[in-house]
Protein backbone atom coordinates (compact mmCIF):
# COMPACT_ATOMS: atom_id res chain seq x y z
CA MET A 1 -44.39 15.22 20.36
CA LYS A 2 -42.96 13.95 17.06
CA ALA A 3 -40.72 17.02 16.80
CA LEU A 4 -39.39 16.42 20.33
CA LYS A 5 -38.70 12.79 19.49
CA LYS A 6 -36.80 13.82 16.33
CA VAL A 7 -34.73 16.34 18.30
CA PHE A 8 -33.93 13.70 20.92
CA ILE A 9 -32.86 11.14 18.31
CA LEU A 10 -30.78 13.74 16.45
CA THR A 11 -29.07 14.72 19.71
CA ILE A 12 -28.23 11.08 20.49
CA VAL A 13 -26.87 10.49 16.97
CA MET A 14 -24.72 13.63 17.14
CA ALA A 15 -23.37 12.66 20.58
CA MET A 16 -22.48 9.18 19.31
CA GLY A 17 -20.77 10.72 16.29
CA ALA A 18 -18.71 13.02 18.51
CA VAL A 19 -17.65 10.09 20.71
CA MET A 20 -16.67 7.96 17.71
CA GLN A 21 -14.80 10.85 16.08
CA GLY A 22 -12.85 11.39 19.31
CA GLN A 23 -11.92 7.72 19.42
CA ALA A 24 -10.86 7.74 15.77
CA PHE A 25 -8.70 10.82 16.39
CA ALA A 26 -7.12 9.28 19.48
CA LYS A 27 -6.28 6.14 17.54
CA GLY A 28 -5.61 8.02 14.33
CA GLY A 29 -1.87 7.92 14.03
CA PHE A 30 -1.16 11.50 14.98
CA GLY A 31 1.55 10.31 17.37
CA ARG A 32 0.15 11.61 20.65
CA GLY A 33 0.46 8.21 22.35
CA MET A 34 0.27 8.13 26.15
CA GLY A 35 1.91 11.49 26.81
CA GLN A 36 5.45 10.39 26.07
CA GLY A 37 6.42 13.89 24.91
CA GLN A 38 7.49 12.83 21.44
CA ALA A 39 6.11 13.88 18.11
CA VAL A 40 5.47 11.25 15.48
CA ASN A 41 8.83 11.63 13.80
CA GLY A 42 10.80 11.05 16.99
CA ASP A 43 11.59 14.73 17.66
CA ILE A 44 10.99 16.00 21.17
CA ALA A 45 7.66 17.80 21.28
CA ASP A 46 8.31 21.45 22.09
CA ASN A 47 4.68 22.45 22.49
CA GLN A 48 1.17 21.29 21.70
CA ALA A 49 1.59 22.35 18.08
CA SER A 50 4.25 19.72 17.45
CA GLU A 51 2.11 16.98 18.98
CA PHE A 52 0.02 16.95 15.84
CA LYS A 53 2.80 16.63 13.27
CA ARG A 54 2.26 13.93 10.70
CA GLY A 55 5.06 11.44 10.59
CA ARG A 56 6.18 7.97 9.74
CA GLY A 57 5.68 6.16 13.02
CA LEU A 58 3.44 3.33 14.08
CA GLY A 59 0.84 5.93 15.00
CA ASN A 60 -1.70 3.79 16.82
CA GLY A 61 -1.94 6.29 19.68
CA MET A 62 -0.91 3.69 22.24
CA GLY A 63 2.61 4.76 23.14
CA PRO A 64 5.85 6.24 21.94
CA VAL A 65 6.10 6.53 18.18
CA VAL A 66 9.24 6.21 16.11
CA ASN A 67 10.13 6.64 12.47
CA ILE A 68 10.33 3.06 11.24
CA LEU A 69 12.00 4.15 8.01
CA GLU A 70 15.00 5.36 10.01
CA GLY A 71 15.45 2.01 11.76
CA GLU A 72 18.21 -0.49 11.04
CA PRO A 73 17.33 -2.62 7.98
CA VAL A 74 17.08 -6.32 8.85
CA VAL A 75 16.15 -9.54 7.09
CA VAL A 76 14.62 -12.36 9.11
CA SER A 77 13.97 -15.72 7.50
CA GLY A 78 12.76 -18.98 8.90
CA ALA A 79 9.73 -21.01 9.87
CA ILE A 80 6.86 -19.42 11.75
CA ALA A 81 6.91 -20.81 15.29
CA GLU A 82 3.92 -18.88 16.61
CA ILE A 83 1.47 -16.20 15.50
CA GLY A 84 0.37 -14.02 18.40
CA TYR A 85 -2.88 -12.18 18.80
CA TYR A 86 -3.21 -8.81 17.07
CA GLY A 87 -0.27 -6.64 18.06
CA GLN A 88 1.81 -9.44 19.61
CA GLY A 89 3.82 -10.21 16.52
CA VAL A 90 4.90 -13.33 14.68
CA GLN A 91 7.65 -15.51 16.10
CA ILE A 92 10.07 -16.80 13.48
CA ASP A 93 12.51 -19.64 14.15
CA ASN A 94 15.63 -18.99 12.06
CA GLY A 95 17.34 -22.19 13.24
CA THR A 96 19.42 -20.39 15.86
CA GLU A 97 16.89 -18.31 17.75
CA ILE A 98 13.27 -17.25 17.73
CA ILE A 99 12.78 -13.66 16.59
CA THR A 100 9.56 -11.69 16.99
CA VAL A 101 8.50 -9.53 14.05
CA TYR A 102 5.62 -7.06 14.25
CA GLY A 103 3.28 -5.68 11.61
CA ILE A 104 2.77 -8.39 9.00
CA GLY A 105 -0.74 -7.04 8.49
CA PRO A 106 -4.25 -8.35 8.95
CA VAL A 107 -5.61 -11.44 7.21
CA MET A 108 -8.00 -9.21 5.23
CA TYR A 109 -5.07 -7.45 3.51
CA TRP A 110 -3.51 -10.75 2.43
CA GLU A 111 -6.90 -12.02 1.21
CA GLN A 112 -7.32 -8.94 -1.00
CA LEU A 113 -3.99 -9.80 -2.61
CA GLU A 114 -5.23 -13.38 -2.99
CA VAL A 115 -2.22 -14.64 -1.07
CA PRO A 116 -2.68 -17.14 1.78
CA TYR A 117 -1.91 -15.63 5.19
CA PRO A 118 1.15 -17.38 6.67
CA VAL A 119 0.52 -20.06 9.28
CA VAL A 120 2.68 -21.90 11.81
CA ALA A 121 5.45 -23.92 10.07
CA ASP A 122 5.36 -21.78 6.89
CA THR A 123 8.76 -20.45 5.84
CA ILE A 124 8.83 -16.69 5.27
CA ILE A 125 11.38 -13.97 4.63
CA VAL A 126 10.77 -10.60 6.29
CA ASN A 127 12.44 -7.39 5.17
CA GLY A 128 12.06 -5.17 8.18
CA SER A 129 13.33 -2.29 10.21
CA LYS A 130 14.70 -2.65 13.74
CA VAL A 131 13.54 0.41 15.67
CA VAL A 132 14.51 1.63 19.12
CA PHE A 133 11.82 3.28 21.22
CA SER A 134 12.36 6.07 23.74
CA ASP A 135 12.30 3.54 26.60
CA GLY A 136 15.19 1.62 24.99
CA SER A 137 13.07 -1.31 23.80
CA GLU A 138 13.62 -2.63 20.28
CA LYS A 139 11.18 -4.15 17.82
CA ILE A 140 11.46 -5.41 14.28
CA ILE A 141 8.69 -3.95 12.13
CA ALA A 142 7.96 -5.77 8.85
CA LEU A 143 8.17 -3.68 5.68
CA SER A 144 7.55 -6.60 3.32
CA VAL A 145 7.14 -10.37 3.57
CA THR A 146 7.98 -13.08 1.06
CA ALA A 147 5.82 -16.18 1.51
CA GLY A 148 6.35 -18.86 -1.11
CA GLN A 149 6.64 -17.05 -4.46
CA ASP A 150 4.71 -13.98 -3.29
CA GLU A 151 6.28 -10.79 -1.94
CA ILE A 152 3.81 -8.63 -0.02
CA ALA A 153 4.54 -4.94 0.54
CA LEU A 154 3.32 -3.92 4.00
CA ARG A 155 4.42 -0.30 4.39
CA ASP A 156 4.44 2.73 2.13
CA ALA A 157 8.08 3.34 1.11
CA GLU A 158 7.81 7.12 1.61
CA THR A 159 5.67 7.43 4.74
CA GLY A 160 5.99 4.10 6.52
CA PHE A 161 2.21 3.90 6.94
CA PRO A 162 0.69 0.41 6.78
CA LEU A 163 -0.68 -0.23 3.29
CA TRP A 164 -3.75 -1.98 4.67
CA HIS A 165 -4.89 1.38 6.09
CA GLN A 166 -5.10 3.04 2.66
CA GLY A 167 -8.51 4.20 1.50
CA GLN A 168 -10.08 4.55 4.95
CA GLY A 169 -10.96 8.22 4.78
CA GLY A 170 -7.91 9.27 6.75
CA VAL A 171 -8.77 7.12 9.76
CA ARG A 172 -5.71 5.17 10.73
CA GLY A 173 -5.48 2.68 13.54
CA GLN A 174 -8.16 0.45 14.96
CA GLY A 175 -11.88 0.46 14.48
CA SER A 176 -12.40 1.11 10.79
CA MET A 177 -14.99 -1.00 9.03
CA PHE A 178 -13.99 0.07 5.54
CA PRO A 179 -12.10 -2.29 3.24
CA CYS A 180 -8.43 -1.69 2.62
CA THR A 181 -6.73 -1.27 -0.72
CA ALA A 182 -4.13 -3.96 -1.23
CA ILE A 183 -0.94 -2.97 -3.04
CA PRO A 184 1.53 -5.64 -4.21
CA ALA A 185 5.25 -5.20 -3.58
CA ALA A 186 7.21 -3.21 -6.13
CA GLU A 187 9.19 -5.33 -8.55
């Protein structure tokens, strides 16, 4: 009876592991998002083999992926008007208009750098990349943020991957419980 119980528990644990691995892969930044027919570097996918190319896109598995490093460089400065929920961006009032910027990173990343996470009314400067998605929509993705005297690097300069995802055993995207490795901006 004990052996049967052990086999049952082992089977359940293995099944849970397979389910979690599948979710990590689906959210893992391999650029397969929602069947849009694009590989992670923006090239048209010619077959299944190209679906799994590593690239420099957002890579959260939730839609079309673009190479943020090939976007138009932009600088947005002003006071934070609103901070949306995760994934909704930060709205910055530059005195003329309100501009939404995405990807300033999670609070945990800023805390590891011992820099206060920006709040509404704080003045920040964002060095970003304006990218155009396959559906024609545009977003500004933050590459670095200057808040007060601190400049925070947000993306790897060579790959475009978010720096707060470093050190997570290759799992990119949502759901990781491992701490990130914070890297200050290059001087």
